[in-house]
Every structure is written in structure tokens, then in C-alpha cells.
Amino acid sequence: MKGSGNGRYFLYPVEREAGYMDFYEARAFIQRGDVAITVLMYDTKKIPENEIRSLAERQLGRL
């Protein structure tokens, strides 16, 4: 996460298909010691970068 080597997050390009709602996806991978966590977010609205980052940072803080 920000300034840390303990995790990464990714925002994927929107998937558009005729007749369906837009599909947004974000993922975060965080690790502390021998515990690793994957956070997956899906929505039909754009996922802000700070939303996936702050969620992953909060989860990392709980480890």
C-alpha cells in the first residue's frame, strides 16, 4: 500500500457489452508475515482508486 512493500492494488478496465451494465473490477493483494489476503471488489459503477486502497490498508492494519 502507500509507501509499503506489503501490498499492491489494481483497477481493471471497464468491461462493456451491449445489453448489459458496465462491469468494474478492482483487486488488492496484501501480506504480513506468513498471512496473505486478496481483496476483490466488483461493481456496476466506477470504483475509485482511493476506495480499494483504503480498504486494503484497513485490512492490512488488522493483521
C-alpha atoms as a PDB file:
ATOM      1  CA  MET A   1       0.000   0.000   0.000  1.00  0.00           C
ATOM      2  CA  LYS A   2       1.130   3.609   0.025  1.00  0.00           C
ATOM      3  CA  GLY A   3       4.852   3.660   0.765  1.00  0.00           C
ATOM      4  CA  SER A   4       4.815  -0.025   1.736  1.00  0.00           C
ATOM      5  CA  GLY A   5       6.079  -3.175   0.090  1.00  0.00           C
ATOM      6  CA  ASN A   6       3.360  -5.223   1.808  1.00  0.00           C
ATOM      7  CA  GLY A   7       0.723  -4.995  -0.898  1.00  0.00           C
ATOM      8  CA  ARG A   8      -0.473  -3.947  -4.317  1.00  0.00           C
ATOM      9  CA  TYR A   9      -3.821  -2.946  -5.791  1.00  0.00           C
ATOM     10  CA  PHE A  10      -5.111  -2.976  -9.346  1.00  0.00           C
ATOM     11  CA  LEU A  11      -8.003  -1.267 -11.121  1.00  0.00           C
ATOM     12  CA  TYR A  12      -9.049  -3.131 -14.237  1.00  0.00           C
ATOM     13  CA  PRO A  13     -10.515  -1.505 -17.370  1.00  0.00           C
ATOM     14  CA  VAL A  14     -14.292  -1.369 -17.555  1.00  0.00           C
ATOM     15  CA  GLU A  15     -15.924  -4.291 -19.357  1.00  0.00           C
ATOM     16  CA  ARG A  16     -18.708  -3.161 -21.672  1.00  0.00           C
ATOM     17  CA  GLU A  17     -21.077  -5.423 -23.519  1.00  0.00           C
ATOM     18  CA  ALA A  18     -24.213  -4.434 -25.427  1.00  0.00           C
ATOM     19  CA  GLY A  19     -27.364  -5.058 -23.408  1.00  0.00           C
ATOM     20  CA  TYR A  20     -25.500  -5.338 -20.076  1.00  0.00           C
ATOM     21  CA  MET A  21     -24.475  -2.880 -17.396  1.00  0.00           C
ATOM     22  CA  ASP A  22     -20.840  -1.798 -17.253  1.00  0.00           C
ATOM     23  CA  PHE A  23     -18.695  -4.057 -15.075  1.00  0.00           C
ATOM     24  CA  TYR A  24     -15.874  -2.646 -12.928  1.00  0.00           C
ATOM     25  CA  GLU A  25     -13.306  -4.699 -11.042  1.00  0.00           C
ATOM     26  CA  ALA A  26     -10.564  -3.883  -8.516  1.00  0.00           C
ATOM     27  CA  ARG A  27      -8.222  -6.224  -6.649  1.00  0.00           C
ATOM     28  CA  ALA A  28      -5.751  -5.835  -3.819  1.00  0.00           C
ATOM     29  CA  PHE A  29      -3.130  -8.286  -2.602  1.00  0.00           C
ATOM     30  CA  ILE A  30      -1.662  -7.708   0.857  1.00  0.00           C
ATOM     31  CA  GLN A  31       0.719  -9.706   3.008  1.00  0.00           C
ATOM     32  CA  ARG A  32       2.172  -9.523   6.504  1.00  0.00           C
ATOM     33  CA  GLY A  33       4.403 -12.295   7.751  1.00  0.00           C
ATOM     34  CA  ASP A  34       3.045 -15.634   6.591  1.00  0.00           C
ATOM     35  CA  VAL A  35      -0.547 -14.376   6.130  1.00  0.00           C
ATOM     36  CA  ALA A  36      -1.721 -13.201   2.703  1.00  0.00           C
ATOM     37  CA  ILE A  37      -5.084 -11.617   1.809  1.00  0.00           C
ATOM     38  CA  THR A  38      -6.775 -10.997  -1.524  1.00  0.00           C
ATOM     39  CA  VAL A  39      -9.480  -8.312  -1.664  1.00  0.00           C
ATOM     40  CA  LEU A  40     -11.843  -8.374  -4.653  1.00  0.00           C
ATOM     41  CA  MET A  41     -14.320  -5.598  -5.486  1.00  0.00           C
ATOM     42  CA  TYR A  42     -16.911  -5.643  -8.255  1.00  0.00           C
ATOM     43  CA  ASP A  43     -19.497  -3.001  -9.116  1.00  0.00           C
ATOM     44  CA  THR A  44     -21.586  -1.532 -11.906  1.00  0.00           C
ATOM     45  CA  LYS A  45     -20.273   1.950 -11.019  1.00  0.00           C
ATOM     46  CA  LYS A  46     -16.683   3.131 -11.281  1.00  0.00           C
ATOM     47  CA  ILE A  47     -14.577   2.083  -8.278  1.00  0.00           C
ATOM     48  CA  PRO A  48     -12.407   4.985  -7.094  1.00  0.00           C
ATOM     49  CA  GLU A  49      -8.714   4.225  -6.635  1.00  0.00           C
ATOM     50  CA  ASN A  50      -8.757   5.505  -3.053  1.00  0.00           C
ATOM     51  CA  GLU A  51     -11.626   3.133  -2.158  1.00  0.00           C
ATOM     52  CA  ILE A  52      -9.734  -0.094  -2.928  1.00  0.00           C
ATOM     53  CA  ARG A  53      -6.527   1.345  -1.467  1.00  0.00           C
ATOM     54  CA  SER A  54      -8.109   2.446   1.821  1.00  0.00           C
ATOM     55  CA  LEU A  55      -9.965  -0.869   2.195  1.00  0.00           C
ATOM     56  CA  ALA A  56      -6.737  -2.812   1.667  1.00  0.00           C
ATOM     57  CA  GLU A  57      -4.845  -0.555   4.093  1.00  0.00           C
ATOM     58  CA  ARG A  58      -7.514  -1.078   6.767  1.00  0.00           C
ATOM     59  CA  GLN A  59      -7.330  -4.850   6.300  1.00  0.00           C
ATOM     60  CA  LEU A  60      -3.530  -4.738   6.467  1.00  0.00           C
ATOM     61  CA  GLY A  61      -3.807  -2.788   9.732  1.00  0.00           C
ATOM     62  CA  ARG A  62      -5.967  -5.559  11.193  1.00  0.00           C
ATOM     63  CA  LEU A  63      -3.261  -8.170  10.561  1.00  0.00           C
END
